[in-house]
C-alpha atoms as a PDB file:
ATOM      1  CA  MET A   1      56.556 125.023  94.119  1.00  0.00           C
ATOM      2  CA  LYS A   2      59.691 122.824  93.439  1.00  0.00           C
ATOM      3  CA  PHE A   3      62.247 122.653  94.611  1.00  0.00           C
ATOM      4  CA  GLU A   4      65.457 119.996  93.560  1.00  0.00           C
ATOM      5  CA  LEU A   5      68.961 119.774  94.876  1.00  0.00           C
ATOM      6  CA  ASP A   6      71.851 118.903  92.499  1.00  0.00           C
ATOM      7  CA  LEU A   7      75.017 117.279  94.048  1.00  0.00           C
ATOM      8  CA  ILE A   8      78.496 119.470  92.903  1.00  0.00           C
ATOM      9  CA  LYS A   9      80.015 116.576  91.605  1.00  0.00           C
ATOM     10  CA  ASP A  10      83.405 118.655  90.216  1.00  0.00           C
ATOM     11  CA  LYS A  11      84.418 121.617  91.926  1.00  0.00           C
ATOM     12  CA  ILE A  12      88.226 123.877  90.290  1.00  0.00           C
ATOM     13  CA  GLU A  13      89.817 125.661  92.821  1.00  0.00           C
ATOM     14  CA  PHE A  14      93.212 128.594  92.298  1.00  0.00           C
ATOM     15  CA  PHE A  15      95.167 129.927  95.491  1.00  0.00           C
ATOM     16  CA  GLU A  16      97.896 131.545  95.778  1.00  0.00           C
ATOM     17  CA  ALA A  17     100.283 132.863  98.733  1.00  0.00           C
ATOM     18  CA  PRO A  18     103.762 133.978  99.417  1.00  0.00           C
ATOM     19  CA  THR A  19     105.414 131.862 101.597  1.00  0.00           C
ATOM     20  CA  LEU A  20     104.403 127.779 101.688  1.00  0.00           C
ATOM     21  CA  GLU A  21     102.408 128.443 105.096  1.00  0.00           C
ATOM     22  CA  GLU A  22     100.422 130.882 104.135  1.00  0.00           C
ATOM     23  CA  LEU A  23      99.094 128.706 100.781  1.00  0.00           C
ATOM     24  CA  GLU A  24      99.337 125.491 103.059  1.00  0.00           C
ATOM     25  CA  LYS A  25      96.847 126.971 105.213  1.00  0.00           C
ATOM     26  CA  LYS A  26      94.775 127.868 103.065  1.00  0.00           C
ATOM     27  CA  ILE A  27      95.008 125.239 100.618  1.00  0.00           C
ATOM     28  CA  ASN A  28      94.036 122.887 104.072  1.00  0.00           C
ATOM     29  CA  GLN A  29      91.009 125.333 105.118  1.00  0.00           C
ATOM     30  CA  GLN A  30      89.440 124.853 101.617  1.00  0.00           C
ATOM     31  CA  ILE A  31      90.110 121.471 101.983  1.00  0.00           C
ATOM     32  CA  GLU A  32      87.775 120.544 104.822  1.00  0.00           C
ATOM     33  CA  ASN A  33      84.846 123.295 104.346  1.00  0.00           C
ATOM     34  CA  ASN A  34      84.733 121.004 100.067  1.00  0.00           C
ATOM     35  CA  GLN A  35      84.761 117.707 103.127  1.00  0.00           C
ATOM     36  CA  ALA A  36      80.998 119.511 104.435  1.00  0.00           C
ATOM     37  CA  LEU A  37      80.510 118.726 100.616  1.00  0.00           C
ATOM     38  CA  LEU A  38      81.598 115.413  99.914  1.00  0.00           C
ATOM     39  CA  LEU A  39      83.742 116.598  98.454  1.00  0.00           C
ATOM     40  CA  ARG A  40      87.383 115.646  98.023  1.00  0.00           C
ATOM     41  CA  VAL A  41      90.551 116.354  96.915  1.00  0.00           C
ATOM     42  CA  GLY A  42      91.062 114.610  92.784  1.00  0.00           C
ATOM     43  CA  SER A  43      94.013 116.587  91.696  1.00  0.00           C
ATOM     44  CA  VAL A  44      96.469 119.041  92.934  1.00  0.00           C
ATOM     45  CA  SER A  45      99.000 120.591  90.703  1.00  0.00           C
ATOM     46  CA  HIS A  46     101.589 123.993  91.854  1.00  0.00           C
ATOM     47  CA  GLN A  47     103.722 126.227  90.818  1.00  0.00           C
ATOM     48  CA  THR A  48     106.449 129.381  91.397  1.00  0.00           C
ATOM     49  CA  ALA A  49     106.897 131.994  89.663  1.00  0.00           C
ATOM     50  CA  VAL A  50     109.177 135.021  90.381  1.00  0.00           C
ATOM     51  CA  ILE A  51     107.521 138.342  89.908  1.00  0.00           C
ATOM     52  CA  ASP A  52     109.147 141.761  90.779  1.00  0.00           C
ATOM     53  CA  GLY A  53     111.743 139.504  92.629  1.00  0.00           C
ATOM     54  CA  ARG A  54     109.381 137.399  94.964  1.00  0.00           C
ATOM     55  CA  ILE A  55     108.654 133.832  94.693  1.00  0.00           C
ATOM     56  CA  MET A  56     104.802 133.261  94.428  1.00  0.00           C
ATOM     57  CA  TYR A  57     103.425 130.236  94.758  1.00  0.00           C
ATOM     58  CA  SER A  58      99.955 129.504  93.519  1.00  0.00           C
ATOM     59  CA  ALA A  59      98.102 126.387  92.865  1.00  0.00           C
ATOM     60  CA  VAL A  60      95.096 124.733  91.114  1.00  0.00           C
ATOM     61  CA  ILE A  61      92.997 122.368  93.815  1.00  0.00           C
ATOM     62  CA  HIS A  62      90.326 119.368  91.482  1.00  0.00           C
ATOM     63  CA  PHE A  63      87.430 118.842  93.794  1.00  0.00           C
ATOM     64  CA  LYS A  64      85.405 115.859  93.198  1.00  0.00           C
ATOM     65  CA  ALA A  65      82.259 114.024  94.837  1.00  0.00           C
ATOM     66  CA  GLU A  66      83.255 111.476  96.716  1.00  0.00           C
ATOM     67  CA  SER A  67      82.107 107.615  95.856  1.00  0.00           C
END
């Protein structure tokens, strides 16, 4: 039986939360998790939306393999 491992080179994750503090907490936790996979933050995009009178914060993080 042949066993091969492929490295993850790119990973995009989406986050949302009702407060900036919660969003930051979620993102920081995932950054720590992805460091174990040798991934670093490549770019961050964020947005704020009002849905049914409530503010919702969201972010998209592109993780890239460390060089």
